[in-house]
Protein backbone atom coordinates (compact mmCIF):
# COMPACT_ATOMS: atom_id res chain seq x y z
CA MET A 1 9.28 3.92 -29.33
CA SER A 2 11.32 1.55 -29.47
CA PHE A 3 11.11 -2.19 -28.59
CA PHE A 4 12.86 -2.52 -24.86
CA HIS A 5 10.41 0.79 -24.01
CA GLU A 6 7.62 -1.12 -25.60
CA VAL A 7 8.22 -4.08 -23.42
CA LEU A 8 8.91 -1.89 -20.09
CA GLU A 9 5.72 0.12 -20.28
CA GLU A 10 3.12 -3.73 -20.73
CA LYS A 11 5.13 -4.85 -17.71
CA ARG A 12 4.77 -1.51 -16.05
CA GLN A 13 0.90 -1.66 -16.52
CA ILE A 14 0.73 -5.54 -15.39
CA ASP A 15 2.77 -4.48 -12.02
CA HIS A 16 0.22 -1.34 -11.64
CA TYR A 17 -2.84 -2.87 -11.91
CA LEU A 18 -1.65 -6.07 -9.47
CA ALA A 19 -0.09 -3.73 -6.95
CA ASP A 20 -3.57 -2.13 -6.79
CA LYS A 21 -5.08 -5.87 -5.91
CA TYR A 22 -6.38 -6.42 -9.55
CA ARG A 23 -6.91 -10.28 -9.81
CA ILE A 24 -6.31 -11.72 -12.88
CA THR A 25 -9.58 -13.56 -14.31
CA GLY A 26 -9.21 -14.05 -18.03
CA VAL A 27 -6.73 -15.24 -20.98
CA GLN A 28 -7.12 -14.68 -24.46
CA GLU A 29 -3.97 -15.37 -26.54
CA ASP A 30 -3.43 -15.11 -30.45
CA LEU A 31 -1.65 -14.88 -32.89
CA SER A 32 -1.24 -10.66 -32.23
CA GLY A 33 -0.87 -10.79 -28.64
CA MET A 34 -2.85 -11.41 -25.28
CA LEU A 35 -5.50 -10.18 -24.18
CA LEU A 36 -6.12 -9.69 -20.58
CA GLU A 37 -9.04 -9.45 -18.30
CA LEU A 38 -8.37 -7.77 -15.01
CA MET A 39 -10.89 -7.73 -11.61
CA PRO A 40 -10.58 -4.95 -9.56
CA PRO A 41 -10.24 -6.00 -5.65
CA ASP A 42 -14.13 -4.67 -4.87
CA GLU A 43 -15.24 -7.37 -7.15
CA SER A 44 -17.74 -5.16 -9.26
CA ASP A 45 -18.24 -5.41 -12.76
CA ASN A 46 -15.73 -2.94 -13.69
CA LEU A 47 -13.51 -5.54 -15.06
CA ILE A 48 -10.42 -4.07 -17.10
CA LYS A 49 -8.44 -5.29 -20.55
CA LEU A 50 -5.09 -4.83 -21.17
CA GLN A 51 -3.66 -5.78 -24.00
CA ILE A 52 -0.19 -7.51 -24.58
CA LEU A 53 1.92 -7.40 -27.35
CA THR A 54 5.10 -8.17 -26.94
CA ALA A 55 6.44 -12.08 -25.76
CA GLU A 56 8.47 -10.63 -22.97
CA ALA A 57 5.73 -9.21 -21.33
CA ARG A 58 3.17 -12.45 -21.89
CA THR A 59 6.14 -14.54 -20.81
CA TYR A 60 6.45 -12.02 -17.90
CA LEU A 61 2.44 -12.39 -17.09
CA SER A 62 2.58 -16.54 -17.63
CA ASN A 63 5.03 -16.34 -14.49
CA LEU A 64 2.92 -13.91 -12.83
CA LEU A 65 -0.09 -16.03 -13.26
CA ILE A 66 1.80 -19.31 -11.73
CA LYS A 67 2.25 -17.30 -8.53
CA GLN A 68 -0.87 -15.99 -8.24
CA PHE A 69 -2.51 -19.88 -9.21
CA GLN A 70 -0.04 -21.33 -6.34
CA ARG A 71 -0.69 -18.54 -3.82
CA ASP A 72 -4.71 -19.09 -4.67
CA ARG A 73 -4.05 -22.89 -3.92
CA VAL A 74 -2.41 -22.50 -0.46
CA GLU A 75 -5.06 -19.70 0.57
CA LYS A 76 -7.71 -22.67 -0.48
CA SER A 77 -6.23 -25.63 1.08
CA ASN A 78 -5.94 -22.84 4.45
CA GLN A 79 -9.63 -22.50 4.87
CA ASP A 80 -10.30 -26.42 4.12
CA GLU A 81 -8.54 -26.85 7.12
CA VAL A 82 -10.52 -24.45 9.43
């Protein structure tokens, strides 16, 4: 598989889980890539672990994490106001 297709496949996997309402609950990064932990929407113990190897997909994931943190902060502040 070409490098371009590897990047697209990793992004597709990330998007697939996030579209199914999985939440990013853990990230471990080392020299060989990133290990991503995703929790299903029902918050069961069935964590998904996804390995991200390409730098481009890791950058993409970092941007998604920032958006998730911002969304969580807004939701928390809205709950605090109630």
